[in-house]
Amino acid sequence: MTATVPTETVATASAPSADLAIDVPWVERPTHRAWAAHRFSRMVEFVQPSVLPDGGFAYLAGDGSPMPGTEPSLLLTARMTHVAGLASALGIPGAGRLLAHGLASLDGPFHDAEAGGWFGTLARDGRKTAYEHVHVILAASSALAAGARGGAELAAEAARLVEERFWDEEAGALRESFDATWGDPEPYRGANANMHAVEAFLALGDALDENLWHQRALRICERLIDGHARVRGWLLPEHFDADWTELPDYNIDDPNHPFRPYGATCGHSLEWARLLCGLHASPRVVTPDWVLEAAIALTRSALGVWGVDGREGLVYTVDWHGRPVSTVRLHWPICEGIQATASLRALTGDREWEQWYRRLWDHAAAHFVDPTGSWVNELDEDFREGCSVWPGRPDVYHAAGAYLGPLLPVWPFLTVAARDHGLPIA
């Protein structure tokens, strides 16, 4: 997909677009709901060729073919399994095949039956990370919610493993990684792994009907959002040492790192905001007022740097003064912004969020969304498909949330909501 350099005027966070007729939100319009649901179904078709006979899912190129020279990973296998569970809960043909393959891969070639846990690749070596293991919880929760065979067993094992190996009760957050035999703990703590733990814990709590996991999600948010992001004016530090001391210059020489970039990551602020909205809406835990306030503040902070480098869209990262560092345009911050603004509109009724929801979708439609339903992963300086951070289009996790999250209730978790409420169009 080829896009042209945008010519529209860059807008600010307080005024994302001209005055619109927004009395009826897009998510309440049958045409918008049908468009999003159709694109999601097309995307499920797009990823069908990703199934690999030896386990896992292939990285896909822009034409939907497996990319040579790439290897299946635990992360993408878990994310694909989650999306397949969501699609299966909605009755989309082909999803059951993807879900069964994902579960078999997690139960087989990625699983370490001897030492416990899961390997990051089919080479069955390397470190065991919290980031990857909480994604196994997410996959298992969706499989369980979709009623897939093996989902309950996987959810129980993944929850036990994360609780025993990664959860730090005193800190109220996760340890980062260990070697393959659970030795050599990494002297690093990351906001990214803990953010995805919040999502996984919200999903698991709803899938199992257990409140404990939502309470733990709140504890993580208390440490990182109310503790660190608030102090820095809602620019969230991502990197810490083993004692949770901030490392503000971590990876300053690697600004495009796919998991641990220097500075504040705009897309993560929006992702945290989405999760805080789900936590606020959950009846499984009593949330203080700051949870919703933080979701609003993080979203305004992230969208406040829209076009900060003179070009339309969101940069990857900014420094601690809000100045752009990595100016690459990635698809997933737009996906997270779509979900966060839809959730905030649903919870607050504020027109500001409807305006941003529409602007984000218009931007996505112009530059990221492909007729296949898949999303261009990254844009280069000329707003054409790039590959400096991620090759191809391997990850449909964020796009699935953008398509379906706004069409479902803020609570419960996505796949549980899809199972219980379906996806009414009219």
Protein backbone atom coordinates (compact mmCIF):
# COMPACT_ATOMS: atom_id res chain seq x y z
CA MET A 1 0.00 0.00 0.00
CA THR A 2 1.42 3.40 -0.97
CA ALA A 3 0.45 6.65 0.68
CA THR A 4 1.23 10.25 -0.19
CA VAL A 5 2.75 12.85 2.07
CA PRO A 6 -0.09 14.50 4.02
CA THR A 7 -0.94 18.13 3.43
CA GLU A 8 -3.55 18.69 6.12
CA THR A 9 -2.92 21.13 8.95
CA VAL A 10 -1.52 19.61 12.14
CA ALA A 11 -4.04 19.87 14.98
CA THR A 12 -3.53 20.17 18.71
CA ALA A 13 -4.81 17.90 21.44
CA SER A 14 -7.41 20.43 22.51
CA ALA A 15 -8.80 20.93 19.00
CA PRO A 16 -8.33 17.79 16.91
CA SER A 17 -10.65 18.77 14.10
CA ALA A 18 -13.26 21.21 12.95
CA ASP A 19 -16.62 21.26 14.71
CA LEU A 20 -18.40 18.02 13.76
CA ALA A 21 -21.94 16.76 14.04
CA ILE A 22 -21.06 14.35 16.84
CA ASP A 23 -24.32 13.97 18.70
CA VAL A 24 -24.40 10.38 17.44
CA PRO A 25 -21.00 8.75 18.04
CA TRP A 26 -19.56 6.69 15.23
CA VAL A 27 -19.65 3.55 17.37
CA GLU A 28 -23.45 3.88 17.48
CA ARG A 29 -23.78 4.15 13.70
CA PRO A 30 -24.54 0.82 11.96
CA THR A 31 -22.40 1.73 8.95
CA HIS A 32 -19.32 2.36 11.09
CA ARG A 33 -19.85 -0.82 13.09
CA ALA A 34 -20.33 -2.85 9.93
CA TRP A 35 -17.20 -1.36 8.38
CA ALA A 36 -15.04 -2.21 11.40
CA ALA A 37 -16.48 -5.71 11.78
CA HIS A 38 -15.95 -6.43 8.08
CA ARG A 39 -12.34 -5.25 8.21
CA PHE A 40 -11.69 -7.48 11.19
CA SER A 41 -13.11 -10.46 9.31
CA ARG A 42 -10.93 -9.62 6.31
CA MET A 43 -7.90 -9.48 8.58
CA VAL A 44 -8.66 -12.96 9.91
CA GLU A 45 -8.65 -14.14 6.29
CA PHE A 46 -5.37 -12.32 5.67
CA VAL A 47 -3.52 -14.22 8.42
CA GLN A 48 -4.65 -17.72 7.40
CA PRO A 49 -1.37 -18.41 5.51
CA SER A 50 0.63 -17.69 8.67
CA VAL A 51 0.09 -21.20 10.14
CA LEU A 52 3.41 -23.08 10.21
CA PRO A 53 3.44 -26.89 10.27
CA ASP A 54 6.20 -27.09 12.91
CA GLY A 55 4.44 -24.69 15.26
CA GLY A 56 3.80 -21.00 15.63
CA PHE A 57 2.84 -18.42 13.05
CA ALA A 58 4.91 -16.88 10.28
CA TYR A 59 5.77 -13.23 9.87
CA LEU A 60 3.69 -12.08 6.93
CA ALA A 61 4.72 -9.68 4.20
CA GLY A 62 2.43 -7.00 2.83
CA ASP A 63 0.97 -9.44 0.31
CA GLY A 64 0.11 -11.95 3.04
CA SER A 65 2.86 -14.44 2.20
CA PRO A 66 5.29 -15.75 4.86
CA MET A 67 8.46 -13.64 4.97
CA PRO A 68 11.70 -15.53 4.25
CA GLY A 69 14.35 -15.36 6.94
CA THR A 70 11.96 -14.84 9.86
CA GLU A 71 11.27 -17.30 12.66
CA PRO A 72 8.08 -17.84 14.66
CA SER A 73 8.13 -16.38 18.15
CA LEU A 74 6.27 -17.03 21.38
CA LEU A 75 5.10 -13.40 21.46
CA LEU A 76 3.44 -13.42 18.05
CA THR A 77 2.08 -16.94 18.57
CA ALA A 78 0.41 -15.88 21.81
CA ARG A 79 -0.97 -12.70 20.26
CA MET A 80 -2.31 -14.56 17.24
CA THR A 81 -3.93 -17.11 19.55
CA HIS A 82 -5.61 -14.30 21.45
CA VAL A 83 -6.96 -12.75 18.23
CA ALA A 84 -8.12 -16.18 17.04
CA GLY A 85 -9.96 -16.66 20.33
CA LEU A 86 -11.67 -13.30 19.88
CA ALA A 87 -12.65 -14.16 16.30
CA SER A 88 -13.82 -17.62 17.33
CA ALA A 89 -16.04 -16.14 20.03
CA LEU A 90 -17.68 -14.05 17.30
CA GLY A 91 -18.16 -17.05 15.00
CA ILE A 92 -15.82 -15.96 12.21
CA PRO A 93 -15.02 -18.91 9.91
CA GLY A 94 -11.36 -19.90 9.91
CA ALA A 95 -10.73 -18.63 13.43
CA GLY A 96 -11.13 -22.06 15.00
CA ARG A 97 -8.28 -23.44 12.90
CA LEU A 98 -5.98 -20.60 13.97
CA LEU A 99 -6.99 -20.99 17.61
CA ALA A 100 -6.40 -24.74 17.66
CA HIS A 101 -2.99 -24.30 16.02
CA GLY A 102 -2.01 -21.57 18.47
CA LEU A 103 -2.97 -23.67 21.48
CA ALA A 104 -1.14 -26.71 20.10
CA SER A 105 1.96 -24.57 19.56
CA LEU A 106 1.85 -23.22 23.11
CA ASP A 107 1.26 -26.67 24.54
CA GLY A 108 3.96 -28.27 22.36
CA PRO A 109 7.06 -26.78 20.72
CA PHE A 110 7.18 -23.57 22.75
CA HIS A 111 6.48 -25.26 26.10
CA ASP A 112 9.27 -26.29 28.48
CA ALA A 113 7.84 -29.39 30.14
CA GLU A 114 11.01 -29.94 32.17
CA ALA A 115 11.76 -26.56 33.76
CA GLY A 116 8.35 -24.97 33.26
CA GLY A 117 7.28 -21.96 31.30
CA TRP A 118 7.72 -21.21 27.62
CA PHE A 119 10.65 -20.56 25.31
CA GLY A 120 10.69 -17.39 23.24
CA THR A 121 11.49 -19.22 20.00
CA LEU A 122 11.36 -22.72 18.57
CA ALA A 123 15.14 -22.93 19.10
CA ARG A 124 14.12 -23.51 22.74
CA ASP A 125 16.84 -21.37 24.23
CA GLY A 126 17.27 -17.83 25.48
CA ARG A 127 15.77 -16.09 28.48
CA LYS A 128 12.26 -16.52 29.81
CA THR A 129 10.61 -13.12 30.02
CA ALA A 130 7.64 -11.71 31.86
CA TYR A 131 6.65 -9.89 28.68
CA GLU A 132 6.20 -13.11 26.73
CA HIS A 133 4.66 -15.09 29.59
CA VAL A 134 1.89 -12.58 30.28
CA HIS A 135 1.01 -12.83 26.60
CA VAL A 136 0.54 -16.56 27.14
CA ILE A 137 -1.95 -15.63 29.87
CA LEU A 138 -3.71 -13.33 27.41
CA ALA A 139 -3.90 -16.10 24.79
CA ALA A 140 -5.15 -18.62 27.34
CA SER A 141 -7.78 -16.22 28.66
CA SER A 142 -9.18 -15.65 25.18
CA ALA A 143 -9.13 -19.38 24.44
CA LEU A 144 -10.93 -20.07 27.71
CA ALA A 145 -13.51 -17.37 27.05
CA ALA A 146 -14.08 -18.77 23.54
CA GLY A 147 -14.64 -22.25 24.97
CA ALA A 148 -11.64 -23.80 23.20
CA ARG A 149 -10.42 -27.20 24.29
CA GLY A 150 -7.26 -26.80 26.35
CA GLY A 151 -7.91 -23.16 27.17
CA ALA A 152 -8.69 -23.75 30.83
CA GLU A 153 -5.62 -25.92 31.37
CA LEU A 154 -3.33 -23.41 29.66
CA ALA A 155 -4.80 -20.54 31.67
CA ALA A 156 -4.26 -22.40 34.94
CA GLU A 157 -0.67 -23.30 34.12
CA ALA A 158 0.27 -19.84 32.85
CA ALA A 159 -1.31 -18.14 35.86
CA ARG A 160 0.53 -20.43 38.28
CA LEU A 161 3.84 -19.92 36.49
CA VAL A 162 3.58 -16.12 36.40
CA GLU A 163 2.51 -16.04 40.04
CA GLU A 164 5.41 -18.25 41.16
CA ARG A 165 8.20 -16.89 38.98
CA PHE A 166 7.43 -13.31 38.01
CA TRP A 167 4.99 -11.77 40.47
CA ASP A 168 6.70 -9.79 43.25
CA GLU A 169 4.14 -9.37 46.01
CA GLU A 170 6.20 -6.81 47.90
CA ALA A 171 6.68 -4.60 44.84
CA GLY A 172 3.19 -5.18 43.48
CA ALA A 173 4.66 -5.72 40.02
CA LEU A 174 6.59 -8.20 37.88
CA ARG A 175 10.22 -9.25 37.76
CA GLU A 176 11.58 -9.05 34.22
CA SER A 177 13.39 -12.22 33.09
CA PHE A 178 15.38 -15.32 34.00
CA ASP A 179 17.55 -17.82 32.20
CA ALA A 180 16.03 -21.03 30.84
CA THR A 181 16.28 -22.80 34.21
CA TRP A 182 14.94 -19.85 36.24
CA GLY A 183 18.33 -18.63 37.44
CA ASP A 184 20.21 -15.40 36.72
CA PRO A 185 17.40 -12.90 37.38
CA GLU A 186 17.76 -9.77 35.25
CA PRO A 187 18.53 -6.62 37.32
CA TYR A 188 16.00 -4.62 35.31
CA ARG A 189 12.32 -3.82 35.68
CA GLY A 190 10.24 -2.70 32.70
CA ALA A 191 7.00 -0.78 32.38
CA ASN A 192 6.24 -2.56 29.10
CA ALA A 193 6.03 -6.05 30.59
CA ASN A 194 3.99 -4.75 33.49
CA MET A 195 1.60 -2.89 31.20
CA HIS A 196 0.88 -6.10 29.32
CA ALA A 197 0.50 -7.85 32.66
CA VAL A 198 -2.31 -5.42 33.48
CA GLU A 199 -4.09 -6.44 30.29
CA ALA A 200 -3.44 -10.14 30.88
CA PHE A 201 -4.62 -9.92 34.50
CA LEU A 202 -7.81 -8.10 33.51
CA ALA A 203 -8.45 -10.79 30.89
CA LEU A 204 -7.69 -13.65 33.25
CA GLY A 205 -9.84 -12.27 36.04
CA ASP A 206 -12.85 -12.03 33.73
CA ALA A 207 -12.23 -15.39 32.06
CA LEU A 208 -11.87 -17.16 35.43
CA ASP A 209 -14.39 -14.96 37.26
CA GLU A 210 -11.75 -14.19 39.91
CA ASN A 211 -11.22 -10.76 41.47
CA LEU A 212 -7.60 -11.27 42.58
CA TRP A 213 -6.15 -10.60 39.14
CA HIS A 214 -7.89 -7.23 38.82
CA GLN A 215 -6.59 -6.29 42.26
CA ARG A 216 -3.07 -7.11 41.11
CA ALA A 217 -3.61 -5.07 37.95
CA LEU A 218 -4.48 -2.09 40.14
CA ARG A 219 -1.32 -2.56 42.19
CA ILE A 220 0.82 -2.39 39.04
CA CYS A 221 -0.96 0.78 37.98
CA GLU A 222 -0.46 2.31 41.41
CA ARG A 223 3.28 1.84 41.16
CA LEU A 224 3.87 2.90 37.57
CA ILE A 225 1.10 5.37 36.78
CA ASP A 226 0.17 7.01 40.06
CA GLY A 227 3.74 6.66 41.30
CA HIS A 228 5.98 7.49 38.33
CA ALA A 229 3.95 8.90 35.41
CA ARG A 230 2.17 11.50 37.55
CA VAL A 231 5.46 12.84 38.93
CA ARG A 232 6.85 13.29 35.41
CA GLY A 233 3.83 15.20 34.12
CA TRP A 234 2.35 12.05 32.54
CA LEU A 235 5.48 11.18 30.56
CA LEU A 236 5.86 7.59 31.73
CA PRO A 237 9.35 6.24 32.51
CA GLU A 238 9.76 2.80 30.95
CA HIS A 239 13.02 1.54 32.47
CA PHE A 240 14.05 0.80 36.06
CA ASP A 241 16.68 -1.11 37.98
CA ALA A 242 15.86 -4.05 40.26
CA ASP A 243 14.91 -1.65 43.09
CA TRP A 244 12.54 0.32 40.85
CA THR A 245 14.84 3.31 40.53
CA GLU A 246 14.21 5.11 37.24
CA LEU A 247 16.80 4.77 34.45
CA PRO A 248 15.92 7.86 32.36
CA ASP A 249 18.82 7.50 29.90
CA TYR A 250 18.36 3.78 29.26
CA ASN A 251 18.96 2.96 25.56
CA ILE A 252 19.57 6.59 24.72
CA ASP A 253 21.71 5.33 21.82
CA ASP A 254 19.01 2.93 20.56
CA PRO A 255 15.93 5.14 20.08
CA ASN A 256 14.17 2.72 17.70
CA HIS A 257 14.42 -0.35 19.95
CA PRO A 258 11.19 -2.33 19.41
CA PHE A 259 10.67 -3.12 23.11
CA ARG A 260 12.93 -0.86 25.19
CA PRO A 261 13.37 2.49 23.43
CA TYR A 262 14.78 5.56 25.15
CA GLY A 263 12.34 8.16 26.44
CA ALA A 264 8.58 8.18 26.78
CA THR A 265 6.60 6.05 24.32
CA CYS A 266 3.46 7.85 23.13
CA GLY A 267 1.69 4.67 22.14
CA HIS A 268 2.24 3.16 25.57
CA SER A 269 0.59 6.14 27.23
CA LEU A 270 -2.48 5.46 25.10
CA GLU A 271 -2.30 1.74 25.83
CA TRP A 272 -2.10 2.39 29.56
CA ALA A 273 -5.08 4.74 29.21
CA ARG A 274 -7.12 2.01 27.54
CA LEU A 275 -6.28 -0.43 30.32
CA LEU A 276 -7.01 2.12 33.04
CA CYS A 277 -10.45 2.61 31.51
CA GLY A 278 -11.09 -1.12 31.70
CA LEU A 279 -9.88 -1.19 35.29
CA HIS A 280 -12.08 1.78 36.19
CA ALA A 281 -15.12 0.04 34.69
CA SER A 282 -14.45 -3.31 36.37
CA PRO A 283 -16.68 -4.26 39.31
CA ARG A 284 -14.03 -6.72 40.49
CA VAL A 285 -11.96 -4.07 42.25
CA VAL A 286 -12.67 -0.76 43.96
CA THR A 287 -10.73 1.80 41.94
CA PRO A 288 -9.85 5.24 43.29
CA ASP A 289 -10.77 8.37 41.36
CA TRP A 290 -7.23 8.82 40.07
CA VAL A 291 -7.57 5.81 37.74
CA LEU A 292 -9.91 7.56 35.32
CA GLU A 293 -8.15 10.88 35.86
CA ALA A 294 -4.86 9.25 34.87
CA ALA A 295 -6.41 7.71 31.76
CA ILE A 296 -7.53 11.17 30.67
CA ALA A 297 -4.18 12.78 31.50
CA LEU A 298 -2.13 10.11 29.70
CA THR A 299 -4.30 10.36 26.60
CA ARG A 300 -4.08 14.15 26.48
CA SER A 301 -0.33 13.97 27.01
CA ALA A 302 0.17 11.49 24.16
CA LEU A 303 -2.16 13.19 21.70
CA GLY A 304 -0.67 16.53 22.68
CA VAL A 305 2.45 15.65 20.67
CA TRP A 306 0.45 14.95 17.51
CA GLY A 307 2.48 16.43 14.67
CA VAL A 308 5.23 17.58 17.04
CA ASP A 309 7.85 17.15 14.28
CA GLY A 310 5.79 19.03 11.70
CA ARG A 311 4.27 15.93 10.12
CA GLU A 312 0.85 14.44 10.70
CA GLY A 313 0.58 11.65 13.26
CA LEU A 314 2.30 10.34 16.36
CA VAL A 315 6.04 9.97 16.77
CA TYR A 316 7.35 6.79 18.41
CA THR A 317 9.05 8.45 21.39
CA VAL A 318 9.76 11.82 22.99
CA ASP A 319 12.38 12.89 25.53
CA TRP A 320 11.63 14.09 29.05
CA HIS A 321 10.88 17.60 27.75
CA GLY A 322 8.36 16.32 25.20
CA ARG A 323 10.71 16.77 22.24
CA PRO A 324 10.63 14.09 19.50
CA VAL A 325 13.32 11.42 19.61
CA SER A 326 12.25 8.64 17.26
CA THR A 327 9.95 10.09 14.61
CA VAL A 328 9.03 6.78 12.96
CA ARG A 329 5.28 6.31 12.53
CA LEU A 330 4.04 2.92 13.76
CA HIS A 331 0.54 1.53 13.38
CA TRP A 332 0.02 0.36 16.94
CA PRO A 333 -0.05 3.78 18.68
CA ILE A 334 -2.91 4.76 16.36
CA CYS A 335 -4.72 1.51 17.23
CA GLU A 336 -4.28 2.20 20.93
CA GLY A 337 -5.42 5.79 20.52
CA ILE A 338 -8.59 4.62 18.80
CA GLN A 339 -9.37 2.30 21.69
CA ALA A 340 -8.46 4.78 24.43
CA THR A 341 -10.55 7.62 22.98
CA ALA A 342 -13.53 5.31 22.40
CA SER A 343 -13.33 4.12 26.01
CA LEU A 344 -13.04 7.65 27.36
CA ARG A 345 -16.02 8.80 25.31
CA ALA A 346 -18.04 5.87 26.62
CA LEU A 347 -17.07 6.61 30.24
CA THR A 348 -17.20 10.42 30.22
CA GLY A 349 -19.45 11.40 27.31
CA ASP A 350 -16.97 14.18 26.49
CA ARG A 351 -17.05 15.25 22.83
CA GLU A 352 -13.30 15.74 22.88
CA TRP A 353 -12.86 11.99 22.68
CA GLU A 354 -15.32 11.51 19.83
CA GLN A 355 -13.47 14.15 17.84
CA TRP A 356 -10.18 12.38 18.43
CA TYR A 357 -11.69 8.97 17.69
CA ARG A 358 -12.78 10.18 14.26
CA ARG A 359 -9.48 11.91 13.55
CA LEU A 360 -7.49 8.82 14.45
CA TRP A 361 -9.63 6.60 12.24
CA ASP A 362 -9.36 9.07 9.34
CA HIS A 363 -5.58 9.07 9.76
CA ALA A 364 -5.53 5.26 9.90
CA ALA A 365 -7.70 4.94 6.81
CA ALA A 366 -5.44 7.32 4.88
CA HIS A 367 -2.12 5.74 5.79
CA PHE A 368 -2.34 2.39 7.58
CA VAL A 369 -5.47 0.35 6.81
CA ASP A 370 -5.14 -1.97 3.83
CA PRO A 371 -8.12 -3.33 1.83
CA THR A 372 -7.16 -6.77 3.17
CA GLY A 373 -8.03 -5.57 6.67
CA SER A 374 -4.38 -5.76 7.70
CA TRP A 375 -2.48 -2.63 8.71
CA VAL A 376 0.76 -1.27 7.34
CA ASN A 377 3.06 -1.76 10.31
CA GLU A 378 5.27 1.28 9.86
CA LEU A 379 5.55 4.41 7.70
CA ASP A 380 8.82 5.85 6.45
CA GLU A 381 9.63 9.55 6.14
CA ASP A 382 7.57 9.75 2.93
CA PHE A 383 4.56 8.03 4.54
CA ARG A 384 5.19 4.82 2.60
CA GLU A 385 5.45 1.36 4.11
CA GLY A 386 8.71 1.10 6.07
CA CYS A 387 10.60 -1.55 8.05
CA SER A 388 13.12 0.10 10.39
CA VAL A 389 11.53 -1.30 13.58
CA TRP A 390 9.47 -4.32 12.46
CA PRO A 391 9.55 -6.21 9.15
CA GLY A 392 6.34 -6.98 7.29
CA ARG A 393 2.91 -7.21 8.95
CA PRO A 394 3.33 -9.92 11.57
CA ASP A 395 1.19 -8.53 14.38
CA VAL A 396 -2.61 -8.21 14.19
CA TYR A 397 -3.12 -7.86 17.95
CA HIS A 398 -3.34 -4.05 18.07
CA ALA A 399 -5.45 -3.84 14.92
CA ALA A 400 -7.93 -6.38 16.31
CA GLY A 401 -8.41 -4.16 19.33
CA ALA A 402 -8.89 -1.06 17.18
CA TYR A 403 -11.54 -2.76 15.07
CA LEU A 404 -13.53 -4.40 17.85
CA GLY A 405 -12.70 -2.71 21.16
CA PRO A 406 -14.79 0.40 20.47
CA LEU A 407 -17.78 -1.74 19.42
CA LEU A 408 -17.86 -3.65 22.71
CA PRO A 409 -18.40 -2.56 26.33
CA VAL A 410 -15.41 -1.10 28.17
CA TRP A 411 -15.82 -3.99 30.63
CA PRO A 412 -15.53 -6.99 30.59
CA PHE A 413 -12.36 -8.01 28.75
CA LEU A 414 -12.65 -8.06 24.96
CA THR A 415 -13.17 -11.78 24.30
CA VAL A 416 -15.52 -12.22 27.27
CA ALA A 417 -17.54 -9.24 26.02
CA ALA A 418 -17.61 -10.68 22.49
CA ARG A 419 -18.80 -14.03 23.82
CA ASP A 420 -21.48 -12.53 26.08
CA HIS A 421 -22.71 -9.65 23.95
CA GLY A 422 -21.82 -10.55 20.37
CA LEU A 423 -21.27 -7.72 17.91
CA PRO A 424 -24.65 -6.17 17.09
CA ILE A 425 -24.45 -3.99 13.98
CA ALA A 426 -27.82 -2.26 14.03
